[in-house]
Protein backbone atom coordinates (compact mmCIF):
# COMPACT_ATOMS: atom_id res chain seq x y z
CA MET A 1 -8.76 53.35 11.32
CA THR A 2 -5.93 53.67 13.81
CA PRO A 3 -4.05 50.61 15.09
CA LEU A 4 -5.80 50.87 18.47
CA GLN A 5 -9.21 51.04 16.85
CA PHE A 6 -8.34 48.11 14.59
CA GLU A 7 -7.21 46.05 17.58
CA ALA A 8 -10.28 46.90 19.61
CA ALA A 9 -12.61 46.04 16.74
CA HIS A 10 -11.18 42.54 16.32
CA GLU A 11 -9.93 41.66 19.81
CA ALA A 12 -12.95 39.49 20.61
CA ALA A 13 -12.52 37.39 17.46
CA TRP A 14 -8.80 36.96 18.07
CA GLY A 15 -9.43 35.87 21.64
CA GLU A 16 -12.02 33.36 20.48
CA LEU A 17 -9.62 31.99 17.87
CA GLU A 18 -6.90 31.62 20.51
CA LYS A 19 -9.25 29.67 22.77
CA LEU A 20 -10.29 27.30 19.98
CA LEU A 21 -6.66 26.73 19.00
CA THR A 22 -5.59 26.09 22.60
CA ALA A 23 -8.40 23.61 23.14
CA ALA A 24 -7.65 21.77 19.91
CA GLU A 25 -3.91 21.62 20.60
CA LYS A 26 -4.37 20.54 24.21
CA TYR A 27 -6.78 17.70 23.58
CA ARG A 28 -5.60 17.00 20.03
CA TRP A 29 -9.12 16.98 18.67
CA ARG A 30 -8.58 15.90 15.12
CA GLN A 31 -12.09 16.83 14.07
CA SER A 32 -11.92 20.32 15.60
CA ALA A 33 -9.19 21.14 13.10
CA THR A 34 -11.43 20.48 10.13
CA PRO A 35 -14.55 22.30 8.92
CA ASP A 36 -16.58 19.11 9.41
CA GLY A 37 -15.75 18.63 13.06
CA PRO A 38 -17.29 20.16 16.22
CA GLY A 39 -16.15 23.78 16.36
CA GLY A 40 -14.26 23.33 13.12
CA ALA A 41 -16.51 25.58 11.01
CA ARG A 42 -16.09 28.46 13.46
CA LEU A 43 -12.33 27.93 13.66
CA ALA A 44 -12.04 27.94 9.86
CA LEU A 45 -14.08 31.12 9.60
CA LEU A 46 -11.98 32.93 12.20
CA TYR A 47 -8.82 31.71 10.49
CA ARG A 48 -9.87 33.16 7.15
CA ARG A 49 -10.77 36.45 8.77
CA ALA A 50 -7.44 36.56 10.61
CA CYS A 51 -5.62 36.05 7.30
CA GLN A 52 -7.49 39.02 5.82
CA GLN A 53 -6.78 41.13 8.89
CA LEU A 54 -3.10 40.23 8.79
CA ALA A 55 -2.85 41.30 5.16
CA LEU A 56 -4.62 44.55 6.00
CA ALA A 57 -2.39 45.25 9.00
CA GLN A 58 0.74 44.66 6.90
CA ALA A 59 -0.52 46.87 4.08
CA ARG A 60 -1.23 49.70 6.54
CA ALA A 61 2.15 49.24 8.29
CA TYR A 62 0.57 48.78 11.71
CA PRO A 63 2.94 48.34 14.70
CA ILE A 64 5.07 45.23 14.74
CA TYR A 65 3.51 43.85 17.92
CA LEU A 66 0.12 43.78 16.18
CA THR A 67 1.29 42.08 13.00
CA GLN A 68 3.36 39.56 14.97
CA ARG A 69 0.37 38.56 17.05
CA LEU A 70 -1.71 38.01 13.91
CA GLU A 71 1.13 36.09 12.25
CA GLN A 72 1.36 33.75 15.24
CA LEU A 73 -2.40 33.18 15.27
CA VAL A 74 -2.52 32.50 11.54
CA ALA A 75 0.48 30.15 11.70
CA ARG A 76 -1.03 28.14 14.59
CA ALA A 77 -4.37 27.84 12.84
CA HIS A 78 -2.73 26.84 9.55
CA ARG A 79 -0.69 24.08 11.20
CA LEU A 80 -3.76 22.74 12.94
CA ILE A 81 -6.15 22.88 10.00
CA TYR A 82 -3.79 21.53 7.36
CA ARG A 83 -1.82 19.00 9.35
CA PRO A 84 -2.31 15.38 8.25
CA ALA A 85 -5.02 13.67 10.24
CA ALA A 86 -3.66 11.20 12.77
CA TRP A 87 -4.02 7.54 11.87
CA ASN A 88 -6.47 5.61 13.97
CA TRP A 89 -8.53 2.46 13.64
CA ARG A 90 -11.37 4.29 11.88
CA ARG A 91 -9.08 5.72 9.22
CA PHE A 92 -7.33 2.38 8.85
CA THR A 93 -10.69 0.64 8.40
CA ASP A 94 -11.80 3.24 5.85
CA PHE A 95 -8.54 2.73 4.00
CA LEU A 96 -9.01 -1.05 3.82
CA LEU A 97 -12.70 -0.91 2.93
CA ILE A 98 -12.63 2.01 0.49
CA GLY A 99 -9.29 3.68 -0.21
CA PHE A 100 -7.20 0.64 -1.09
CA PRO A 101 -9.59 -1.19 -3.47
CA GLN A 102 -10.54 2.09 -5.16
CA ALA A 103 -6.86 2.94 -5.72
CA VAL A 104 -6.27 -0.52 -7.22
CA ARG A 105 -9.12 -0.09 -9.69
CA ALA A 106 -7.94 3.41 -10.56
CA HIS A 107 -4.63 1.89 -11.70
CA ARG A 108 -6.19 -1.06 -13.51
CA ARG A 109 -4.17 -0.63 -16.71
CA TYR A 110 -0.91 -0.92 -14.80
CA LEU A 111 -2.41 -3.84 -12.89
CA LEU A 112 -3.24 -5.63 -16.13
CA ALA A 113 0.28 -5.12 -17.46
CA ALA A 114 1.86 -6.34 -14.21
CA THR A 115 -0.43 -9.37 -14.17
CA LEU A 116 0.62 -10.38 -17.67
CA LEU A 117 4.33 -9.81 -16.93
CA PHE A 118 4.07 -12.07 -13.89
CA THR A 119 1.65 -14.80 -14.90
CA LEU A 120 2.76 -15.49 -18.47
CA PRO A 121 6.36 -16.42 -17.51
CA LEU A 122 4.98 -18.38 -14.55
CA LEU A 123 2.69 -20.46 -16.75
CA LEU A 124 5.25 -20.98 -19.52
CA MET A 125 8.02 -22.01 -17.14
CA GLY A 126 5.64 -24.19 -15.14
CA TRP A 127 4.62 -26.00 -18.33
CA ALA A 128 8.28 -26.42 -19.39
CA CYS A 129 9.32 -27.97 -16.05
CA TRP A 130 6.18 -30.10 -15.96
CA ARG A 131 7.03 -31.55 -19.37
CA ASP A 132 10.71 -32.01 -18.49
CA PRO A 133 11.62 -31.93 -14.77
CA GLY A 134 15.29 -31.67 -15.66
CA PHE A 135 14.65 -28.29 -17.26
CA ILE A 136 14.72 -26.73 -13.79
CA LEU A 137 18.48 -27.29 -13.68
CA HIS A 138 18.81 -24.49 -16.23
CA LEU A 139 17.60 -22.16 -13.48
CA LEU A 140 18.58 -23.75 -10.16
CA ASP A 141 21.61 -25.71 -9.09
CA PRO A 142 21.20 -29.32 -7.85
CA ALA A 143 21.56 -28.29 -4.18
CA GLN A 144 18.59 -25.89 -4.44
CA VAL A 145 16.51 -28.54 -6.17
CA ARG A 146 17.27 -31.05 -3.39
CA GLN A 147 16.26 -28.43 -0.83
CA PHE A 148 12.86 -28.02 -2.44
CA ASP A 149 12.47 -31.80 -2.57
CA ALA A 150 13.12 -31.96 1.18
CA MET A 151 10.86 -29.02 2.03
CA TYR A 152 7.84 -30.58 0.32
CA GLY A 153 8.63 -34.22 0.83
CA ASP A 154 6.50 -36.55 2.94
CA GLY A 155 9.19 -36.70 5.60
CA ASN A 156 9.08 -32.99 6.43
CA HIS A 157 7.05 -32.42 9.63
CA ALA A 158 6.12 -28.87 8.54
CA LEU A 159 5.72 -28.12 4.86
CA GLY A 160 7.82 -25.37 3.34
CA ARG A 161 9.82 -24.72 6.49
CA GLU A 162 13.47 -23.77 6.34
CA ARG A 163 15.54 -26.34 8.18
CA SER A 164 17.25 -23.60 10.20
CA ALA A 165 13.93 -22.41 11.65
CA ASP A 166 12.48 -24.29 14.60
CA THR A 167 9.23 -22.44 15.31
CA ASP A 168 6.31 -20.92 13.45
CA TRP A 169 7.19 -17.50 14.89
CA GLU A 170 10.68 -17.68 13.41
CA MET A 171 9.17 -18.52 10.06
CA PHE A 172 6.65 -15.69 10.41
CA GLY A 173 9.48 -13.19 10.78
CA PHE A 174 11.37 -14.77 7.89
CA TYR A 175 8.31 -14.64 5.62
CA ILE A 176 7.55 -11.01 6.46
CA LYS A 177 11.11 -10.02 5.63
CA ASN A 178 11.13 -12.05 2.41
CA ASN A 179 7.67 -10.97 1.22
CA ILE A 180 8.18 -7.27 1.82
CA SER A 181 11.61 -7.47 0.21
CA VAL A 182 10.11 -8.89 -2.99
CA GLY A 183 7.30 -6.33 -2.98
CA PHE A 184 9.73 -3.47 -2.44
CA GLN A 185 11.93 -4.64 -5.31
CA CYS A 186 8.99 -4.73 -7.69
CA PHE A 187 7.86 -1.26 -6.64
CA ALA A 188 11.05 0.73 -6.11
CA SER A 189 12.78 -0.58 -9.23
CA GLY A 190 10.10 1.23 -11.21
CA LEU A 191 12.32 4.28 -10.80
CA LEU A 192 14.58 2.70 -13.43
CA ALA A 193 12.10 3.79 -16.10
CA GLY A 194 10.01 0.72 -15.25
CA LEU A 195 12.67 -1.70 -16.48
CA GLY A 196 13.52 -2.89 -12.99
CA THR A 197 9.89 -3.64 -12.24
CA ILE A 198 9.54 -5.60 -15.49
CA PHE A 199 12.66 -7.61 -14.60
CA TYR A 200 11.51 -8.52 -11.09
CA LEU A 201 7.99 -9.42 -12.19
CA VAL A 202 9.29 -11.71 -14.93
CA PHE A 203 12.03 -13.11 -12.68
CA ASN A 204 9.62 -14.00 -9.88
CA GLY A 205 7.15 -15.45 -12.35
CA VAL A 206 9.85 -17.64 -13.89
CA ALA A 207 11.15 -18.80 -10.50
CA ILE A 208 7.74 -19.61 -9.06
CA GLY A 209 6.60 -21.31 -12.26
CA ALA A 210 9.73 -23.46 -12.48
CA VAL A 211 9.50 -24.69 -8.90
CA SER A 212 5.76 -25.29 -9.21
CA GLY A 213 6.06 -27.30 -12.42
CA TYR A 214 8.95 -29.37 -11.08
CA LEU A 215 7.29 -30.24 -7.75
CA ILE A 216 3.98 -31.10 -9.38
CA THR A 217 5.50 -33.46 -11.95
CA THR A 218 7.77 -35.19 -9.40
CA GLY A 219 4.91 -36.40 -7.22
CA LYS A 220 4.80 -33.59 -4.64
CA ALA A 221 1.74 -31.85 -6.05
CA GLN A 222 -0.48 -32.37 -3.00
CA ASN A 223 2.10 -31.23 -0.46
CA PHE A 224 3.09 -28.21 -2.55
CA LEU A 225 -0.34 -27.05 -3.70
CA SER A 226 -1.95 -27.47 -0.27
CA PHE A 227 0.89 -25.37 1.14
CA VAL A 228 0.70 -22.45 -1.31
CA VAL A 229 -2.99 -22.26 -2.17
CA THR A 230 -4.11 -20.18 0.83
CA HIS A 231 -1.37 -17.64 1.41
CA GLY A 232 -0.73 -17.40 -2.33
CA ALA A 233 -4.00 -15.51 -2.72
CA PHE A 234 -2.51 -12.64 -0.72
CA GLU A 235 1.19 -12.98 -1.53
CA LEU A 236 0.99 -13.31 -5.30
CA THR A 237 -1.67 -10.62 -5.56
CA ALA A 238 0.46 -8.25 -3.48
CA ILE A 239 3.50 -8.87 -5.68
CA VAL A 240 1.49 -7.99 -8.78
CA LEU A 241 0.09 -4.88 -7.06
CA SER A 242 3.61 -3.77 -6.14
CA GLY A 243 4.64 -4.29 -9.73
CA ALA A 244 1.67 -2.24 -10.95
CA ALA A 245 2.75 0.62 -8.69
CA GLY A 246 6.30 0.34 -10.01
CA LEU A 247 5.08 0.47 -13.61
CA CYS A 248 3.13 3.60 -12.77
CA LEU A 249 6.33 5.27 -11.54
CA GLY A 250 8.19 4.16 -14.66
CA HIS A 251 5.45 5.54 -16.91
CA ALA A 252 5.62 8.88 -15.09
CA LEU A 253 9.32 9.13 -15.90
CA LEU A 254 8.97 8.05 -19.54
CA ALA A 255 5.81 10.05 -20.35
CA PRO A 256 5.49 12.97 -17.92
CA GLY A 257 3.10 14.85 -20.18
CA ARG A 258 2.97 18.59 -19.52
CA ARG A 259 4.69 18.19 -16.16
CA THR A 260 8.38 17.95 -15.53
CA ARG A 261 9.57 14.42 -14.84
CA LEU A 262 10.02 15.19 -11.16
CA GLU A 263 6.54 16.70 -10.87
CA ALA A 264 5.01 13.75 -12.75
CA LEU A 265 6.85 11.30 -10.49
CA LYS A 266 5.57 13.05 -7.35
CA HIS A 267 2.04 13.17 -8.73
CA HIS A 268 1.90 9.48 -9.63
CA ALA A 269 3.74 8.43 -6.46
CA LEU A 270 1.01 10.01 -4.33
CA GLY A 271 -1.56 8.08 -6.35
CA VAL A 272 0.05 4.69 -5.75
CA VAL A 273 0.70 5.15 -2.01
CA PRO A 274 -2.64 3.45 -1.13
CA VAL A 275 -1.79 0.56 -3.47
CA ILE A 276 1.57 -0.01 -1.79
CA GLY A 277 0.07 0.38 1.69
CA GLY A 278 -2.55 -2.24 0.91
CA ALA A 279 0.04 -4.54 -0.67
CA VAL A 280 2.11 -4.43 2.54
CA VAL A 281 -0.97 -5.40 4.59
CA MET A 282 -1.59 -8.33 2.23
CA LEU A 283 2.04 -9.43 2.48
CA VAL A 284 1.85 -9.47 6.27
CA ILE A 285 -1.38 -11.49 6.11
CA ALA A 286 0.33 -13.90 3.70
CA ALA A 287 3.29 -14.29 6.07
CA GLY A 288 0.97 -15.14 8.96
CA LEU A 289 -0.96 -17.71 6.95
CA GLU A 290 2.23 -19.22 5.54
CA ALA A 291 3.80 -19.64 8.97
CA PHE A 292 0.82 -20.78 11.04
CA TRP A 293 -1.64 -22.35 8.58
CA SER A 294 -0.02 -23.41 5.32
CA SER A 295 2.81 -25.34 6.97
CA ALA A 296 0.51 -27.22 9.37
CA ARG A 297 0.56 -30.98 8.72
CA TRP A 298 -2.45 -31.58 10.96
CA VAL A 299 -4.78 -29.81 8.50
CA MET A 300 -6.11 -32.05 5.76
CA PRO A 301 -5.15 -30.99 2.21
CA GLU A 302 -8.81 -30.91 1.22
CA VAL A 303 -9.50 -28.36 3.95
CA LYS A 304 -6.62 -26.20 2.76
CA TYR A 305 -7.92 -26.35 -0.79
CA GLY A 306 -11.34 -25.17 0.36
CA VAL A 307 -9.93 -22.35 2.48
CA GLY A 308 -7.55 -21.39 -0.30
CA ALA A 309 -10.31 -21.23 -2.91
CA THR A 310 -12.35 -19.07 -0.54
CA CYS A 311 -9.42 -16.71 0.01
CA TRP A 312 -8.82 -16.34 -3.74
CA ALA A 313 -12.49 -15.57 -4.32
CA LEU A 314 -12.60 -13.05 -1.47
CA VAL A 315 -9.46 -11.26 -2.66
CA LEU A 316 -10.76 -10.92 -6.21
CA ILE A 317 -14.22 -9.81 -5.06
CA TYR A 318 -12.67 -7.36 -2.59
CA LEU A 319 -10.42 -5.69 -5.15
CA GLY A 320 -13.06 -5.74 -7.87
CA TRP A 321 -16.15 -4.59 -6.00
CA GLN A 322 -15.39 -3.37 -2.48
CA GLY A 323 -16.13 0.33 -2.04
CA ARG A 324 -17.95 0.70 -5.37
CA PRO A 325 -21.07 2.49 -4.00
CA ALA A 326 -18.86 5.44 -3.02
CA SER A 327 -16.16 4.93 -5.62
CA ALA A 328 -17.45 6.70 -8.69
CA GLN A 329 -16.24 10.18 -7.83
CA PRO A 330 -12.84 9.20 -6.35
CA GLU A 331 -12.09 6.96 -9.32
CA ARG A 332 -12.92 9.78 -11.75
CA GLU A 333 -10.58 12.05 -9.85
CA ALA A 334 -7.87 9.38 -10.00
CA GLY A 335 -8.37 8.90 -13.72
CA HIS A 336 -4.89 10.26 -14.39
CA ALA A 337 -3.58 6.85 -13.36
CA ASP A 338 -5.09 5.33 -16.49
């Protein structure tokens, strides 16, 4: 077949492919770039045929103008079909309802390890400071202890508020910065063969446990517990999730299996991206609750306890069962995380 005959035989298909690509690029139809979307099946078929025709034209050494046209068509179609789908509310909702909880369950062994590393020091240090309030001075200096006394004392008009902050919005920004900083430390330090993640999980558990035990035994239990019970469901869970993701990275470096360490790190990092994304959402929710709800003096402690218990139950149910009807296959595919 001569180049002219080849071009004439396939001109109609090339023209159709160009029209589909132009329409998809102009209106940015995300679904038209996938086989499942309107026009997507036809576009995918024409793309595969164009790839075959390009290989044939190159093998037969057809004129450069012909191979260049096919190369441009194939490159445009490849970019459109394989580009990451744009984020929108539907994808975000699917992520929250399915992707995030499934990813958490797929990494349940790391989650269990992170939970133990965080909660055991918290409980032990809380018990130690509850038995002997002075024990907290081994961890904090007297000025820090006095600050906590003031923050959760009866004279504070807004529980847990830094004295330098005057509004709930200022505290909201402060809490977001602080929460995400802690989560990032627990996650990113996993690159130190997991040792950094272990340190930050234990450190945060010790610090939270010490403050909790001290405040409870010095008569500030109601103010403190009513403050932390609601947002703690999201904040503490997100810290543990960040630690689980960090432990996954550390395990990839220590035991890469048949992959190189870099390949294993990339592989596991992709698997924990949904876990970290969900943890960030939970930390933002925790910051909002901490700034606008937990610190409110006008809400009765009993109400906060009820709302807090509900939040803890919902978080545990959400991570344990949400998305299970469609989760069997994805979780089997993510089994490498175990």
